[in-house]
Amino acid sequence: MEKRRNRIDIIAEILRLCLRGEKATHVIYKSNLNFKRFQVYVRYLLNKELLEIIENINGSKMYRTTEKGRQLLKLIEEE
């Protein structure tokens, strides 16, 4: 039986996926979240300055983990 992920696991997964910058669709697919749940987590991470939005030259948005987010990810992974 597969264990359900808790909130910290999902946050760590999003931060890990966004280390180099990723589009929302890639993060949604790789983290196995639906769009609505993704929005809830991303809004939280943006408000806490753990993620930032980067706009490409072509105008598309990417999410990237901030230094503060990298520090949190390191703490989570040390547990």
N, C-alpha and C. Protein backbone atom coordinates (compact mmCIF):
# COMPACT_ATOMS: atom_id res chain seq x y z
N MET A 1 0.84 -1.18 0.00
CA MET A 1 0.00 0.00 0.00
C MET A 1 0.89 1.24 0.00
N GLU A 2 0.54 2.20 -0.84
CA GLU A 2 1.35 3.40 -0.98
C GLU A 2 0.98 4.42 0.10
N LYS A 3 2.00 5.02 0.69
CA LYS A 3 1.80 6.02 1.73
C LYS A 3 1.41 7.37 1.12
N ARG A 4 0.46 8.03 1.72
CA ARG A 4 0.05 9.35 1.25
C ARG A 4 1.13 10.37 1.61
N ARG A 5 1.33 11.33 0.74
CA ARG A 5 2.31 12.38 1.01
C ARG A 5 1.69 13.42 1.94
N ASN A 6 2.50 13.94 2.83
CA ASN A 6 2.01 15.02 3.67
C ASN A 6 2.40 16.36 3.02
N ARG A 7 1.97 17.42 3.63
CA ARG A 7 2.19 18.76 3.07
C ARG A 7 3.68 19.07 2.87
N ILE A 8 4.49 18.69 3.83
CA ILE A 8 5.94 18.94 3.75
C ILE A 8 6.55 18.19 2.57
N ASP A 9 6.12 16.95 2.35
CA ASP A 9 6.63 16.17 1.22
C ASP A 9 6.31 16.86 -0.11
N ILE A 10 5.11 17.37 -0.24
CA ILE A 10 4.69 18.03 -1.48
C ILE A 10 5.46 19.34 -1.67
N ILE A 11 5.62 20.11 -0.60
CA ILE A 11 6.39 21.36 -0.69
C ILE A 11 7.83 21.06 -1.10
N ALA A 12 8.44 20.05 -0.49
CA ALA A 12 9.82 19.68 -0.82
C ALA A 12 9.91 19.26 -2.29
N GLU A 13 8.94 18.51 -2.76
CA GLU A 13 8.94 18.06 -4.15
C GLU A 13 8.87 19.25 -5.11
N ILE A 14 8.00 20.20 -4.83
CA ILE A 14 7.88 21.39 -5.69
C ILE A 14 9.18 22.19 -5.67
N LEU A 15 9.74 22.41 -4.48
CA LEU A 15 10.99 23.16 -4.38
C LEU A 15 12.12 22.45 -5.13
N ARG A 16 12.18 21.15 -5.03
CA ARG A 16 13.21 20.36 -5.71
C ARG A 16 13.06 20.47 -7.23
N LEU A 17 11.83 20.37 -7.71
CA LEU A 17 11.58 20.44 -9.15
C LEU A 17 11.91 21.82 -9.72
N CYS A 18 11.79 22.84 -8.90
CA CYS A 18 11.97 24.22 -9.38
C CYS A 18 13.37 24.77 -9.14
N LEU A 19 14.31 23.94 -8.74
CA LEU A 19 15.65 24.43 -8.44
C LEU A 19 16.27 25.19 -9.61
N ARG A 20 16.09 24.71 -10.82
CA ARG A 20 16.67 25.37 -12.00
C ARG A 20 15.64 26.15 -12.79
N GLY A 21 14.42 26.15 -12.34
CA GLY A 21 13.34 26.83 -13.05
C GLY A 21 12.55 25.86 -13.89
N GLU A 22 11.26 25.85 -13.69
CA GLU A 22 10.37 24.94 -14.44
C GLU A 22 9.04 25.61 -14.73
N LYS A 23 8.44 25.19 -15.84
CA LYS A 23 7.10 25.65 -16.18
C LYS A 23 6.10 24.94 -15.28
N ALA A 24 4.94 25.57 -15.09
CA ALA A 24 3.90 25.01 -14.23
C ALA A 24 3.48 23.62 -14.68
N THR A 25 3.30 23.42 -15.97
CA THR A 25 2.82 22.12 -16.46
C THR A 25 3.80 21.00 -16.10
N HIS A 26 5.08 21.28 -16.17
CA HIS A 26 6.08 20.28 -15.83
C HIS A 26 6.01 19.93 -14.34
N VAL A 27 5.90 20.95 -13.51
CA VAL A 27 5.83 20.72 -12.06
C VAL A 27 4.55 19.95 -11.71
N ILE A 28 3.44 20.32 -12.32
CA ILE A 28 2.17 19.63 -12.06
C ILE A 28 2.29 18.15 -12.43
N TYR A 29 2.84 17.89 -13.59
CA TYR A 29 2.99 16.51 -14.07
C TYR A 29 3.93 15.70 -13.19
N LYS A 30 5.11 16.26 -12.91
CA LYS A 30 6.12 15.52 -12.15
C LYS A 30 5.75 15.34 -10.68
N SER A 31 5.01 16.30 -10.12
CA SER A 31 4.64 16.21 -8.70
C SER A 31 3.32 15.47 -8.49
N ASN A 32 2.66 15.12 -9.59
CA ASN A 32 1.40 14.38 -9.53
C ASN A 32 0.32 15.14 -8.75
N LEU A 33 0.21 16.44 -9.04
CA LEU A 33 -0.83 17.28 -8.44
C LEU A 33 -1.79 17.71 -9.53
N ASN A 34 -3.02 18.00 -9.15
CA ASN A 34 -3.90 18.63 -10.13
C ASN A 34 -3.67 20.14 -10.10
N PHE A 35 -4.19 20.83 -11.09
CA PHE A 35 -3.91 22.25 -11.24
C PHE A 35 -4.37 23.06 -10.03
N LYS A 36 -5.52 22.73 -9.48
CA LYS A 36 -6.06 23.47 -8.34
C LYS A 36 -5.16 23.33 -7.11
N ARG A 37 -4.72 22.10 -6.81
CA ARG A 37 -3.83 21.88 -5.66
C ARG A 37 -2.48 22.56 -5.90
N PHE A 38 -1.99 22.49 -7.14
CA PHE A 38 -0.74 23.15 -7.49
C PHE A 38 -0.83 24.64 -7.20
N GLN A 39 -1.94 25.27 -7.59
CA GLN A 39 -2.11 26.71 -7.35
C GLN A 39 -2.06 27.05 -5.87
N VAL A 40 -2.67 26.22 -5.04
CA VAL A 40 -2.68 26.46 -3.59
C VAL A 40 -1.25 26.44 -3.05
N TYR A 41 -0.50 25.42 -3.42
CA TYR A 41 0.88 25.30 -2.94
C TYR A 41 1.77 26.41 -3.49
N VAL A 42 1.65 26.71 -4.76
CA VAL A 42 2.50 27.74 -5.37
C VAL A 42 2.20 29.12 -4.77
N ARG A 43 0.95 29.41 -4.55
CA ARG A 43 0.58 30.69 -3.94
C ARG A 43 1.22 30.81 -2.55
N TYR A 44 1.17 29.73 -1.78
CA TYR A 44 1.77 29.70 -0.46
C TYR A 44 3.29 29.91 -0.55
N LEU A 45 3.94 29.17 -1.45
CA LEU A 45 5.40 29.26 -1.59
C LEU A 45 5.84 30.63 -2.10
N LEU A 46 5.06 31.23 -2.97
CA LEU A 46 5.38 32.59 -3.45
C LEU A 46 5.23 33.61 -2.32
N ASN A 47 4.15 33.48 -1.55
CA ASN A 47 3.93 34.41 -0.43
C ASN A 47 5.03 34.32 0.62
N LYS A 48 5.57 33.11 0.82
CA LYS A 48 6.64 32.90 1.80
C LYS A 48 8.02 33.16 1.21
N GLU A 49 8.06 33.60 -0.05
CA GLU A 49 9.31 33.90 -0.78
C GLU A 49 10.22 32.67 -0.89
N LEU A 50 9.61 31.51 -1.04
CA LEU A 50 10.35 30.27 -1.24
C LEU A 50 10.46 29.94 -2.73
N LEU A 51 9.57 30.52 -3.52
CA LEU A 51 9.57 30.40 -4.99
C LEU A 51 9.48 31.80 -5.57
N GLU A 52 9.99 31.94 -6.80
CA GLU A 52 9.84 33.19 -7.53
C GLU A 52 9.39 32.87 -8.95
N ILE A 53 8.75 33.84 -9.59
CA ILE A 53 8.32 33.68 -10.97
C ILE A 53 9.33 34.39 -11.86
N ILE A 54 9.74 33.69 -12.91
CA ILE A 54 10.66 34.26 -13.89
C ILE A 54 9.94 34.26 -15.23
N GLU A 55 10.00 35.37 -15.93
CA GLU A 55 9.40 35.42 -17.27
C GLU A 55 10.49 35.28 -18.30
N ASN A 56 10.28 34.35 -19.24
CA ASN A 56 11.21 34.16 -20.34
C ASN A 56 11.07 35.28 -21.37
N ILE A 57 11.96 35.32 -22.30
CA ILE A 57 11.92 36.31 -23.38
C ILE A 57 10.61 36.20 -24.16
N ASN A 58 10.13 34.97 -24.34
CA ASN A 58 8.88 34.76 -25.09
C ASN A 58 7.63 35.00 -24.25
N GLY A 59 7.80 35.41 -22.99
CA GLY A 59 6.67 35.75 -22.13
C GLY A 59 6.13 34.61 -21.30
N SER A 60 6.67 33.41 -21.44
CA SER A 60 6.18 32.29 -20.63
C SER A 60 6.75 32.39 -19.21
N LYS A 61 5.97 31.90 -18.25
CA LYS A 61 6.37 31.96 -16.85
C LYS A 61 7.04 30.67 -16.42
N MET A 62 8.05 30.82 -15.59
CA MET A 62 8.70 29.68 -14.96
C MET A 62 8.79 29.95 -13.47
N TYR A 63 8.80 28.88 -12.70
CA TYR A 63 8.93 29.00 -11.25
C TYR A 63 10.33 28.53 -10.88
N ARG A 64 10.99 29.29 -9.98
CA ARG A 64 12.33 28.93 -9.54
C ARG A 64 12.41 29.05 -8.02
N THR A 65 13.08 28.10 -7.42
CA THR A 65 13.28 28.08 -5.97
C THR A 65 14.26 29.20 -5.60
N THR A 66 13.89 29.99 -4.60
CA THR A 66 14.76 31.07 -4.13
C THR A 66 15.82 30.51 -3.18
N GLU A 67 16.75 31.36 -2.77
CA GLU A 67 17.77 30.92 -1.81
C GLU A 67 17.12 30.49 -0.50
N LYS A 68 16.10 31.23 -0.08
CA LYS A 68 15.37 30.87 1.13
C LYS A 68 14.71 29.49 0.97
N GLY A 69 14.19 29.22 -0.22
CA GLY A 69 13.58 27.93 -0.52
C GLY A 69 14.61 26.81 -0.53
N ARG A 70 15.82 27.11 -1.04
CA ARG A 70 16.90 26.12 -1.05
C ARG A 70 17.31 25.74 0.38
N GLN A 71 17.34 26.74 1.24
CA GLN A 71 17.70 26.48 2.64
C GLN A 71 16.64 25.60 3.30
N LEU A 72 15.37 25.90 3.04
CA LEU A 72 14.29 25.08 3.61
C LEU A 72 14.36 23.65 3.07
N LEU A 73 14.59 23.51 1.77
CA LEU A 73 14.70 22.18 1.17
C LEU A 73 15.83 21.38 1.79
N LYS A 74 16.95 22.04 2.04
CA LYS A 74 18.09 21.37 2.68
C LYS A 74 17.71 20.87 4.07
N LEU A 75 16.99 21.71 4.84
CA LEU A 75 16.55 21.30 6.18
C LEU A 75 15.60 20.11 6.12
N ILE A 76 14.67 20.14 5.18
CA ILE A 76 13.70 19.05 5.05
C ILE A 76 14.42 17.74 4.69
N GLU A 77 15.37 17.83 3.77
CA GLU A 77 16.06 16.63 3.31
C GLU A 77 17.01 16.05 4.37
N GLU A 78 17.41 16.85 5.35
CA GLU A 78 18.29 16.37 6.41
C GLU A 78 17.54 15.51 7.43
N GLU A 79 16.23 15.63 7.47
CA GLU A 79 15.43 14.85 8.44
C GLU A 79 15.50 13.39 8.17
